[in-house]
Amino acid sequence: MAAPPIARHDAITLGLHWLIALLIAAAYAASALVEDRGGKWALTLHGSLGLAVFGLSLVRILWRGLAQHPAPVPIPEGMAHAAHLPMWRSTR
């Protein structure tokens, strides 16, 4: 018996999403510190934050395969074609 469809992502997926977003913003801020002040600590911080983003992204990908997720939201056919237009254009 299949599980009933869900309307939202679970708390772990949402938490990973926002934690990764926060770490990306912090890594960007650390890169600005590297350029402004040239400190080795800022470069180390930037690298550490980047590795944390990479690791958490892998965890999120694995969790995506394990957790139940909501079905895609249906969109009008014209909008779907418009969304695919840039992908088609970039292959030419």
Protein backbone atom coordinates (compact mmCIF):
# COMPACT_ATOMS: atom_id res chain seq x y z
CA MET A 1 0.00 0.00 0.00
CA ALA A 2 1.44 3.37 -1.04
CA ALA A 3 1.74 6.20 1.43
CA PRO A 4 -0.66 9.11 0.95
CA PRO A 5 0.82 12.12 -0.87
CA ILE A 6 2.14 14.95 1.26
CA ALA A 7 1.62 18.68 0.74
CA ARG A 8 4.95 19.99 2.13
CA HIS A 9 8.55 18.93 2.57
CA ASP A 10 9.48 17.53 5.98
CA ALA A 11 11.32 19.48 8.69
CA ILE A 12 14.70 17.87 7.94
CA THR A 13 14.55 18.87 4.26
CA LEU A 14 13.53 22.43 5.14
CA GLY A 15 16.17 22.67 7.86
CA LEU A 16 18.92 21.47 5.52
CA HIS A 17 17.75 23.90 2.83
CA TRP A 18 17.92 26.96 5.09
CA LEU A 19 21.12 25.89 6.84
CA ILE A 20 22.85 25.50 3.47
CA ALA A 21 21.50 28.89 2.34
CA LEU A 22 22.80 30.51 5.54
CA LEU A 23 26.22 28.88 5.13
CA ILE A 24 26.45 30.06 1.50
CA ALA A 25 25.73 33.63 2.62
CA ALA A 26 28.34 33.32 5.38
CA ALA A 27 30.91 31.92 2.93
CA TYR A 28 30.24 34.86 0.61
CA ALA A 29 30.74 37.30 3.50
CA ALA A 30 33.96 35.52 4.46
CA SER A 31 35.22 35.87 0.88
CA ALA A 32 34.64 39.63 1.11
CA LEU A 33 36.71 39.67 4.31
CA VAL A 34 39.52 37.84 2.51
CA GLU A 35 39.60 40.51 -0.18
CA ASP A 36 39.22 43.47 2.19
CA ARG A 37 41.51 42.50 5.05
CA GLY A 38 43.53 39.69 3.52
CA GLY A 39 43.51 37.66 6.72
CA LYS A 40 44.42 34.01 6.66
CA TRP A 41 41.70 33.30 9.21
CA ALA A 42 39.07 34.62 6.78
CA LEU A 43 40.38 32.37 4.02
CA THR A 44 40.30 29.39 6.39
CA LEU A 45 36.76 30.31 7.45
CA HIS A 46 35.67 30.64 3.80
CA GLY A 47 37.12 27.21 2.97
CA SER A 48 35.57 25.59 6.03
CA LEU A 49 32.16 27.03 5.23
CA GLY A 50 32.48 25.80 1.64
CA LEU A 51 33.29 22.28 2.82
CA ALA A 52 30.31 22.40 5.19
CA VAL A 53 28.05 23.44 2.29
CA PHE A 54 29.41 20.58 0.18
CA GLY A 55 28.92 18.01 2.95
CA LEU A 56 25.42 19.17 3.83
CA SER A 57 24.49 19.21 0.13
CA LEU A 58 25.49 15.56 -0.10
CA VAL A 59 23.39 14.80 2.99
CA ARG A 60 20.46 16.65 1.42
CA ILE A 61 20.78 14.68 -1.82
CA LEU A 62 20.83 11.41 0.12
CA TRP A 63 17.88 12.51 2.23
CA ARG A 64 15.96 13.43 -0.92
CA GLY A 65 16.24 9.80 -2.02
CA LEU A 66 14.99 8.50 1.32
CA ALA A 67 12.28 10.94 2.35
CA GLN A 68 8.85 11.28 0.86
CA HIS A 69 8.42 14.51 -1.08
CA PRO A 70 5.41 16.35 -2.51
CA ALA A 71 4.38 15.91 -6.12
CA PRO A 72 5.36 18.69 -8.54
CA VAL A 73 2.83 21.49 -8.85
CA PRO A 74 1.08 21.37 -12.24
CA ILE A 75 1.60 24.43 -14.41
CA PRO A 76 -0.08 25.57 -17.64
CA GLU A 77 1.36 24.06 -20.83
CA GLY A 78 2.48 27.44 -22.21
CA MET A 79 4.40 28.19 -19.04
CA ALA A 80 6.11 24.78 -19.22
CA HIS A 81 7.22 25.49 -22.80
CA ALA A 82 8.50 28.94 -21.80
CA ALA A 83 10.49 27.38 -18.93
CA HIS A 84 12.17 24.93 -21.32
CA LEU A 85 12.99 27.59 -23.93
CA PRO A 86 16.29 28.74 -22.32
CA MET A 87 17.47 25.12 -22.09
CA TRP A 88 16.72 24.53 -25.76
CA ARG A 89 18.41 27.80 -26.73
CA SER A 90 21.63 26.98 -24.84
CA THR A 91 22.14 23.73 -26.80
CA ARG A 92 22.26 25.47 -30.16
